[in-house]
Amino acid sequence: MVSLVIKDGKRGAFEFLRRIRIARNAVSLGGVETLVCHPKTTTHSGFTEEEFAQAGVVDGLVRISVGIEDWRDLLADFEQALSAV
């Protein structure tokens, strides 16, 4: 499991997620494939602002559950998506 805070908040996080080619955007993380999600609008969307702050869930947070794909392919995919934001 890896967490990233993408610059530009929600806009940047969503742009990063749109550009990912290998990982699948998911509401829940767990499986053999690499999955990504934006916790503030999915898994933690029921939180209050205080709960977001306590949990460190910020607008730009993206969570990645790394699967069984070749790490080089994933690295290249994440690098190209990050370079776009």
PDB file of N, CA and C in Angstrom:
ATOM      1  N   MET A   1       0.854  -1.165   0.000  1.00  0.00           N
ATOM      2  CA  MET A   1       0.000   0.000   0.000  1.00  0.00           C
ATOM      3  C   MET A   1       0.902   1.230   0.000  1.00  0.00           C
ATOM      4  N   VAL A   2       0.592   2.155  -0.878  1.00  0.00           N
ATOM      5  CA  VAL A   2       1.339   3.404  -0.994  1.00  0.00           C
ATOM      6  C   VAL A   2       0.326   4.544  -1.027  1.00  0.00           C
ATOM      7  N   SER A   3       0.641   5.627  -0.346  1.00  0.00           N
ATOM      8  CA  SER A   3      -0.207   6.820  -0.396  1.00  0.00           C
ATOM      9  C   SER A   3       0.608   7.979  -0.939  1.00  0.00           C
ATOM     10  N   LEU A   4      -0.003   8.771  -1.802  1.00  0.00           N
ATOM     11  CA  LEU A   4       0.627   9.959  -2.363  1.00  0.00           C
ATOM     12  C   LEU A   4      -0.285  11.149  -2.136  1.00  0.00           C
ATOM     13  N   VAL A   5       0.292  12.302  -1.901  1.00  0.00           N
ATOM     14  CA  VAL A   5      -0.490  13.536  -1.890  1.00  0.00           C
ATOM     15  C   VAL A   5      -0.083  14.295  -3.146  1.00  0.00           C
ATOM     16  N   ILE A   6      -1.028  14.427  -4.040  1.00  0.00           N
ATOM     17  CA  ILE A   6      -0.781  15.059  -5.332  1.00  0.00           C
ATOM     18  C   ILE A   6      -1.013  16.563  -5.209  1.00  0.00           C
ATOM     19  N   LYS A   7      -0.104  17.351  -5.779  1.00  0.00           N
ATOM     20  CA  LYS A   7      -0.277  18.797  -5.746  1.00  0.00           C
ATOM     21  C   LYS A   7      -1.557  19.189  -6.470  1.00  0.00           C
ATOM     22  N   ASP A   8      -2.103  20.304  -6.136  1.00  0.00           N
ATOM     23  CA  ASP A   8      -3.334  20.827  -6.724  1.00  0.00           C
ATOM     24  C   ASP A   8      -4.590  20.156  -6.180  1.00  0.00           C
ATOM     25  N   GLY A   9      -4.453  19.475  -5.045  1.00  0.00           N
ATOM     26  CA  GLY A   9      -5.620  18.927  -4.362  1.00  0.00           C
ATOM     27  C   GLY A   9      -6.427  17.937  -5.177  1.00  0.00           C
ATOM     28  N   LYS A  10      -7.739  18.042  -5.064  1.00  0.00           N
ATOM     29  CA  LYS A  10      -8.648  17.107  -5.726  1.00  0.00           C
ATOM     30  C   LYS A  10      -8.471  17.136  -7.242  1.00  0.00           C
ATOM     31  N   ARG A  11      -8.296  18.318  -7.800  1.00  0.00           N
ATOM     32  CA  ARG A  11      -8.121  18.447  -9.248  1.00  0.00           C
ATOM     33  C   ARG A  11      -6.887  17.677  -9.708  1.00  0.00           C
ATOM     34  N   GLY A  12      -5.779  17.850  -9.011  1.00  0.00           N
ATOM     35  CA  GLY A  12      -4.549  17.144  -9.357  1.00  0.00           C
ATOM     36  C   GLY A  12      -4.678  15.643  -9.165  1.00  0.00           C
ATOM     37  N   ALA A  13      -5.326  15.240  -8.065  1.00  0.00           N
ATOM     38  CA  ALA A  13      -5.509  13.813  -7.794  1.00  0.00           C
ATOM     39  C   ALA A  13      -6.348  13.156  -8.888  1.00  0.00           C
ATOM     40  N   PHE A  14      -7.439  13.815  -9.281  1.00  0.00           N
ATOM     41  CA  PHE A  14      -8.293  13.254 -10.326  1.00  0.00           C
ATOM     42  C   PHE A  14      -7.580  13.219 -11.680  1.00  0.00           C
ATOM     43  N   GLU A  15      -6.754  14.219 -11.958  1.00  0.00           N
ATOM     44  CA  GLU A  15      -5.982  14.215 -13.209  1.00  0.00           C
ATOM     45  C   GLU A  15      -4.997  13.048 -13.207  1.00  0.00           C
ATOM     46  N   PHE A  16      -4.322  12.823 -12.086  1.00  0.00           N
ATOM     47  CA  PHE A  16      -3.414  11.688 -11.950  1.00  0.00           C
ATOM     48  C   PHE A  16      -4.171  10.383 -12.190  1.00  0.00           C
ATOM     49  N   LEU A  17      -5.327  10.227 -11.542  1.00  0.00           N
ATOM     50  CA  LEU A  17      -6.105   8.997 -11.693  1.00  0.00           C
ATOM     51  C   LEU A  17      -6.589   8.796 -13.128  1.00  0.00           C
ATOM     52  N   ARG A  18      -6.927   9.873 -13.824  1.00  0.00           N
ATOM     53  CA  ARG A  18      -7.357   9.765 -15.224  1.00  0.00           C
ATOM     54  C   ARG A  18      -6.227   9.294 -16.132  1.00  0.00           C
ATOM     55  N   ARG A  19      -5.006   9.622 -15.765  1.00  0.00           N
ATOM     56  CA  ARG A  19      -3.859   9.320 -16.625  1.00  0.00           C
ATOM     57  C   ARG A  19      -3.253   7.947 -16.375  1.00  0.00           C
ATOM     58  N   ILE A  20      -3.594   7.308 -15.292  1.00  0.00           N
ATOM     59  CA  ILE A  20      -3.085   5.965 -15.000  1.00  0.00           C
ATOM     60  C   ILE A  20      -3.621   5.002 -16.065  1.00  0.00           C
ATOM     61  N   ARG A  21      -2.746   4.167 -16.582  1.00  0.00           N
ATOM     62  CA  ARG A  21      -3.162   3.238 -17.639  1.00  0.00           C
ATOM     63  C   ARG A  21      -3.247   1.791 -17.160  1.00  0.00           C
ATOM     64  N   ILE A  22      -2.403   1.404 -16.230  1.00  0.00           N
ATOM     65  CA  ILE A  22      -2.368   0.007 -15.801  1.00  0.00           C
ATOM     66  C   ILE A  22      -3.282  -0.227 -14.601  1.00  0.00           C
ATOM     67  N   ALA A  23      -3.120   0.576 -13.563  1.00  0.00           N
ATOM     68  CA  ALA A  23      -3.917   0.389 -12.350  1.00  0.00           C
ATOM     69  C   ALA A  23      -5.380   0.714 -12.616  1.00  0.00           C
ATOM     70  N   ARG A  24      -6.233   0.060 -11.880  1.00  0.00           N
ATOM     71  CA  ARG A  24      -7.669   0.305 -12.009  1.00  0.00           C
ATOM     72  C   ARG A  24      -8.142   1.201 -10.885  1.00  0.00           C
ATOM     73  N   ASN A  25      -8.985   2.156 -11.224  1.00  0.00           N
ATOM     74  CA  ASN A  25      -9.593   3.028 -10.226  1.00  0.00           C
ATOM     75  C   ASN A  25     -10.674   2.219  -9.521  1.00  0.00           C
ATOM     76  N   ALA A  26     -10.604   2.159  -8.207  1.00  0.00           N
ATOM     77  CA  ALA A  26     -11.524   1.315  -7.449  1.00  0.00           C
ATOM     78  C   ALA A  26     -12.015   2.040  -6.210  1.00  0.00           C
ATOM     79  N   VAL A  27     -13.157   1.622  -5.716  1.00  0.00           N
ATOM     80  CA  VAL A  27     -13.695   2.202  -4.485  1.00  0.00           C
ATOM     81  C   VAL A  27     -13.097   1.502  -3.282  1.00  0.00           C
ATOM     82  N   SER A  28     -12.715   0.270  -3.444  1.00  0.00           N
ATOM     83  CA  SER A  28     -12.153  -0.528  -2.360  1.00  0.00           C
ATOM     84  C   SER A  28     -10.849  -1.126  -2.853  1.00  0.00           C
ATOM     85  N   LEU A  29      -9.874  -1.211  -1.981  1.00  0.00           N
ATOM     86  CA  LEU A  29      -8.571  -1.723  -2.385  1.00  0.00           C
ATOM     87  C   LEU A  29      -8.397  -3.154  -1.908  1.00  0.00           C
ATOM     88  N   GLY A  30      -8.003  -4.021  -2.785  1.00  0.00           N
ATOM     89  CA  GLY A  30      -7.752  -5.420  -2.441  1.00  0.00           C
ATOM     90  C   GLY A  30      -7.986  -6.284  -3.654  1.00  0.00           C
ATOM     91  N   GLY A  31      -6.989  -6.998  -4.055  1.00  0.00           N
ATOM     92  CA  GLY A  31      -7.068  -7.855  -5.227  1.00  0.00           C
ATOM     93  C   GLY A  31      -5.662  -8.110  -5.729  1.00  0.00           C
ATOM     94  N   VAL A  32      -5.543  -8.863  -6.806  1.00  0.00           N
ATOM     95  CA  VAL A  32      -4.210  -9.153  -7.331  1.00  0.00           C
ATOM     96  C   VAL A  32      -3.731  -8.071  -8.288  1.00  0.00           C
ATOM     97  N   GLU A  33      -4.664  -7.276  -8.816  1.00  0.00           N
ATOM     98  CA  GLU A  33      -4.275  -6.200  -9.715  1.00  0.00           C
ATOM     99  C   GLU A  33      -4.019  -4.920  -8.917  1.00  0.00           C
ATOM    100  N   THR A  34      -3.251  -4.017  -9.504  1.00  0.00           N
ATOM    101  CA  THR A  34      -2.982  -2.740  -8.855  1.00  0.00           C
ATOM    102  C   THR A  34      -4.231  -1.882  -8.925  1.00  0.00           C
ATOM    103  N   LEU A  35      -4.612  -1.357  -7.759  1.00  0.00           N
ATOM    104  CA  LEU A  35      -5.816  -0.544  -7.647  1.00  0.00           C
ATOM    105  C   LEU A  35      -5.464   0.805  -7.055  1.00  0.00           C
ATOM    106  N   VAL A  36      -6.169   1.842  -7.485  1.00  0.00           N
ATOM    107  CA  VAL A  36      -5.962   3.191  -6.966  1.00  0.00           C
ATOM    108  C   VAL A  36      -7.304   3.780  -6.570  1.00  0.00           C
ATOM    109  N   CYS A  37      -7.270   4.692  -5.589  1.00  0.00           N
ATOM    110  CA  CYS A  37      -8.522   5.363  -5.217  1.00  0.00           C
ATOM    111  C   CYS A  37      -8.238   6.736  -4.632  1.00  0.00           C
ATOM    112  N   HIS A  38      -9.266   7.557  -4.626  1.00  0.00           N
ATOM    113  CA  HIS A  38      -9.251   8.885  -4.020  1.00  0.00           C
ATOM    114  C   HIS A  38     -10.111   8.773  -2.758  1.00  0.00           C
ATOM    115  N   PRO A  39      -9.492   8.541  -1.590  1.00  0.00           N
ATOM    116  CA  PRO A  39     -10.235   8.246  -0.367  1.00  0.00           C
ATOM    117  C   PRO A  39     -11.276   9.291   0.030  1.00  0.00           C
ATOM    118  N   LYS A  40     -10.987  10.548  -0.232  1.00  0.00           N
ATOM    119  CA  LYS A  40     -11.905  11.596   0.221  1.00  0.00           C
ATOM    120  C   LYS A  40     -13.262  11.494  -0.473  1.00  0.00           C
ATOM    121  N   THR A  41     -13.300  10.948  -1.691  1.00  0.00           N
ATOM    122  CA  THR A  41     -14.571  10.823  -2.408  1.00  0.00           C
ATOM    123  C   THR A  41     -15.056   9.381  -2.507  1.00  0.00           C
ATOM    124  N   THR A  42     -14.314   8.445  -1.907  1.00  0.00           N
ATOM    125  CA  THR A  42     -14.741   7.042  -1.977  1.00  0.00           C
ATOM    126  C   THR A  42     -14.780   6.434  -0.576  1.00  0.00           C
ATOM    127  N   THR A  43     -13.712   5.794  -0.175  1.00  0.00           N
ATOM    128  CA  THR A  43     -13.697   5.014   1.068  1.00  0.00           C
ATOM    129  C   THR A  43     -13.966   5.829   2.323  1.00  0.00           C
ATOM    130  N   HIS A  44     -13.634   7.103   2.320  1.00  0.00           N
ATOM    131  CA  HIS A  44     -13.800   7.941   3.510  1.00  0.00           C
ATOM    132  C   HIS A  44     -14.815   9.070   3.299  1.00  0.00           C
ATOM    133  N   SER A  45     -15.632   8.951   2.287  1.00  0.00           N
ATOM    134  CA  SER A  45     -16.527  10.054   1.918  1.00  0.00           C
ATOM    135  C   SER A  45     -17.538  10.420   2.997  1.00  0.00           C
ATOM    136  N   GLY A  46     -17.800   9.536   3.937  1.00  0.00           N
ATOM    137  CA  GLY A  46     -18.745   9.824   5.009  1.00  0.00           C
ATOM    138  C   GLY A  46     -18.145  10.568   6.190  1.00  0.00           C
ATOM    139  N   PHE A  47     -16.854  10.850   6.137  1.00  0.00           N
ATOM    140  CA  PHE A  47     -16.172  11.545   7.230  1.00  0.00           C
ATOM    141  C   PHE A  47     -16.613  12.999   7.331  1.00  0.00           C
ATOM    142  N   THR A  48     -16.534  13.526   8.531  1.00  0.00           N
ATOM    143  CA  THR A  48     -16.696  14.964   8.747  1.00  0.00           C
ATOM    144  C   THR A  48     -15.347  15.625   8.470  1.00  0.00           C
ATOM    145  N   GLU A  49     -15.336  16.946   8.366  1.00  0.00           N
ATOM    146  CA  GLU A  49     -14.069  17.654   8.150  1.00  0.00           C
ATOM    147  C   GLU A  49     -13.085  17.366   9.280  1.00  0.00           C
ATOM    148  N   GLU A  50     -13.576  17.259  10.492  1.00  0.00           N
ATOM    149  CA  GLU A  50     -12.707  16.954  11.633  1.00  0.00           C
ATOM    150  C   GLU A  50     -12.099  15.554  11.490  1.00  0.00           C
ATOM    151  N   GLU A  51     -12.911  14.591  11.067  1.00  0.00           N
ATOM    152  CA  GLU A  51     -12.407  13.227  10.883  1.00  0.00           C
ATOM    153  C   GLU A  51     -11.393  13.159   9.740  1.00  0.00           C
ATOM    154  N   PHE A  52     -11.641  13.915   8.657  1.00  0.00           N
ATOM    155  CA  PHE A  52     -10.654  13.987   7.573  1.00  0.00           C
ATOM    156  C   PHE A  52      -9.320  14.479   8.126  1.00  0.00           C
ATOM    157  N   ALA A  53      -9.370  15.540   8.903  1.00  0.00           N
ATOM    158  CA  ALA A  53      -8.145  16.128   9.453  1.00  0.00           C
ATOM    159  C   ALA A  53      -7.425  15.143  10.370  1.00  0.00           C
ATOM    160  N   GLN A  54      -8.168  14.470  11.221  1.00  0.00           N
ATOM    161  CA  GLN A  54      -7.565  13.503  12.152  1.00  0.00           C
ATOM    162  C   GLN A  54      -6.925  12.343  11.411  1.00  0.00           C
ATOM    163  N   ALA A  55      -7.544  11.908  10.333  1.00  0.00           N
ATOM    164  CA  ALA A  55      -7.044  10.759   9.580  1.00  0.00           C
ATOM    165  C   ALA A  55      -5.999  11.142   8.536  1.00  0.00           C
ATOM    166  N   GLY A  56      -5.791  12.443   8.318  1.00  0.00           N
ATOM    167  CA  GLY A  56      -4.827  12.878   7.307  1.00  0.00           C
ATOM    168  C   GLY A  56      -5.335  12.704   5.886  1.00  0.00           C
ATOM    169  N   VAL A  57      -6.647  12.652   5.722  1.00  0.00           N
ATOM    170  CA  VAL A  57      -7.243  12.497   4.396  1.00  0.00           C
ATOM    171  C   VAL A  57      -7.452  13.887   3.813  1.00  0.00           C
ATOM    172  N   VAL A  58      -6.567  14.256   2.890  1.00  0.00           N
ATOM    173  CA  VAL A  58      -6.614  15.578   2.269  1.00  0.00           C
ATOM    174  C   VAL A  58      -7.096  15.441   0.824  1.00  0.00           C
ATOM    175  N   ASP A  59      -7.430  16.573   0.222  1.00  0.00           N
ATOM    176  CA  ASP A  59      -7.988  16.563  -1.140  1.00  0.00           C
ATOM    177  C   ASP A  59      -7.099  15.874  -2.159  1.00  0.00           C
ATOM    178  N   GLY A  60      -5.791  15.991  -2.028  1.00  0.00           N
ATOM    179  CA  GLY A  60      -4.873  15.425  -3.010  1.00  0.00           C
ATOM    180  C   GLY A  60      -4.430  13.997  -2.732  1.00  0.00           C
ATOM    181  N   LEU A  61      -4.971  13.376  -1.686  1.00  0.00           N
ATOM    182  CA  LEU A  61      -4.532  12.032  -1.310  1.00  0.00           C
ATOM    183  C   LEU A  61      -5.017  10.977  -2.302  1.00  0.00           C
ATOM    184  N   VAL A  62      -4.093  10.142  -2.742  1.00  0.00           N
ATOM    185  CA  VAL A  62      -4.384   8.995  -3.607  1.00  0.00           C
ATOM    186  C   VAL A  62      -3.758   7.775  -2.932  1.00  0.00           C
ATOM    187  N   ARG A  63      -4.533   6.697  -2.847  1.00  0.00           N
ATOM    188  CA  ARG A  63      -4.013   5.450  -2.279  1.00  0.00           C
ATOM    189  C   ARG A  63      -3.834   4.434  -3.397  1.00  0.00           C
ATOM    190  N   ILE A  64      -2.727   3.703  -3.304  1.00  0.00           N
ATOM    191  CA  ILE A  64      -2.397   2.714  -4.314  1.00  0.00           C
ATOM    192  C   ILE A  64      -2.153   1.377  -3.626  1.00  0.00           C
ATOM    193  N   SER A  65      -2.857   0.367  -4.062  1.00  0.00           N
ATOM    194  CA  SER A  65      -2.632  -0.997  -3.605  1.00  0.00           C
ATOM    195  C   SER A  65      -1.926  -1.721  -4.744  1.00  0.00           C
ATOM    196  N   VAL A  66      -0.639  -1.989  -4.570  1.00  0.00           N
ATOM    197  CA  VAL A  66       0.176  -2.539  -5.645  1.00  0.00           C
ATOM    198  C   VAL A  66      -0.120  -4.023  -5.824  1.00  0.00           C
ATOM    199  N   GLY A  67      -0.342  -4.403  -7.063  1.00  0.00           N
ATOM    200  CA  GLY A  67      -0.665  -5.784  -7.395  1.00  0.00           C
ATOM    201  C   GLY A  67       0.525  -6.538  -7.965  1.00  0.00           C
ATOM    202  N   ILE A  68       0.219  -7.496  -8.814  1.00  0.00           N
ATOM    203  CA  ILE A  68       1.253  -8.412  -9.302  1.00  0.00           C
ATOM    204  C   ILE A  68       1.859  -8.021 -10.652  1.00  0.00           C
ATOM    205  N   GLU A  69       1.469  -6.877 -11.182  1.00  0.00           N
ATOM    206  CA  GLU A  69       2.047  -6.443 -12.461  1.00  0.00           C
ATOM    207  C   GLU A  69       3.554  -6.208 -12.292  1.00  0.00           C
ATOM    208  N   ASP A  70       4.255  -6.201 -13.399  1.00  0.00           N
ATOM    209  CA  ASP A  70       5.691  -5.950 -13.365  1.00  0.00           C
ATOM    210  C   ASP A  70       5.942  -4.548 -12.805  1.00  0.00           C
ATOM    211  N   TRP A  71       6.832  -4.442 -11.838  1.00  0.00           N
ATOM    212  CA  TRP A  71       7.083  -3.163 -11.167  1.00  0.00           C
ATOM    213  C   TRP A  71       7.577  -2.102 -12.132  1.00  0.00           C
ATOM    214  N   ARG A  72       8.303  -2.520 -13.169  1.00  0.00           N
ATOM    215  CA  ARG A  72       8.814  -1.540 -14.139  1.00  0.00           C
ATOM    216  C   ARG A  72       7.671  -0.901 -14.930  1.00  0.00           C
ATOM    217  N   ASP A  73       6.687  -1.721 -15.281  1.00  0.00           N
ATOM    218  CA  ASP A  73       5.516  -1.190 -15.986  1.00  0.00           C
ATOM    219  C   ASP A  73       4.747  -0.220 -15.096  1.00  0.00           C
ATOM    220  N   LEU A  74       4.573  -0.600 -13.833  1.00  0.00           N
ATOM    221  CA  LEU A  74       3.863   0.282 -12.900  1.00  0.00           C
ATOM    222  C   LEU A  74       4.623   1.587 -12.687  1.00  0.00           C
ATOM    223  N   LEU A  75       5.926   1.498 -12.508  1.00  0.00           N
ATOM    224  CA  LEU A  75       6.739   2.691 -12.300  1.00  0.00           C
ATOM    225  C   LEU A  75       6.619   3.630 -13.500  1.00  0.00           C
ATOM    226  N   ALA A  76       6.726   3.098 -14.687  1.00  0.00           N
ATOM    227  CA  ALA A  76       6.601   3.937 -15.888  1.00  0.00           C
ATOM    228  C   ALA A  76       5.222   4.568 -15.955  1.00  0.00           C
ATOM    229  N   ASP A  77       4.200   3.817 -15.617  1.00  0.00           N
ATOM    230  CA  ASP A  77       2.831   4.328 -15.654  1.00  0.00           C
ATOM    231  C   ASP A  77       2.651   5.458 -14.638  1.00  0.00           C
ATOM    232  N   PHE A  78       3.117   5.236 -13.414  1.00  0.00           N
ATOM    233  CA  PHE A  78       2.981   6.278 -12.382  1.00  0.00           C
ATOM    234  C   PHE A  78       3.802   7.511 -12.737  1.00  0.00           C
ATOM    235  N   GLU A  79       4.987   7.307 -13.298  1.00  0.00           N
ATOM    236  CA  GLU A  79       5.819   8.465 -13.683  1.00  0.00           C
ATOM    237  C   GLU A  79       5.146   9.300 -14.757  1.00  0.00           C
ATOM    238  N   GLN A  80       4.552   8.659 -15.764  1.00  0.00           N
ATOM    239  CA  GLN A  80       3.901   9.430 -16.823  1.00  0.00           C
ATOM    240  C   GLN A  80       2.680  10.153 -16.279  1.00  0.00           C
ATOM    241  N   ALA A  81       1.945   9.535 -15.361  1.00  0.00           N
ATOM    242  CA  ALA A  81       0.770  10.189 -14.795  1.00  0.00           C
ATOM    243  C   ALA A  81       1.169  11.368 -13.893  1.00  0.00           C
ATOM    244  N   LEU A  82       2.219  11.168 -13.102  1.00  0.00           N
ATOM    245  CA  LEU A  82       2.689  12.249 -12.233  1.00  0.00           C
ATOM    246  C   LEU A  82       3.251  13.422 -13.028  1.00  0.00           C
ATOM    247  N   SER A  83       3.899  13.141 -14.133  1.00  0.00           N
ATOM    248  CA  SER A  83       4.473  14.229 -14.931  1.00  0.00           C
ATOM    249  C   SER A  83       3.382  15.105 -15.541  1.00  0.00           C
ATOM    250  N   ALA A  84       2.179  14.565 -15.657  1.00  0.00           N
ATOM    251  CA  ALA A  84       1.061  15.327 -16.223  1.00  0.00           C
ATOM    252  C   ALA A  84       0.419  16.277 -15.215  1.00  0.00           C
ATOM    253  N   VAL A  85       0.670  16.033 -13.948  1.00  0.00           N
ATOM    254  CA  VAL A  85       0.101  16.919 -12.918  1.00  0.00           C
ATOM    255  C   VAL A  85       1.191  17.738 -12.289  1.00  0.00           C
TER     256      VAL A  85
END
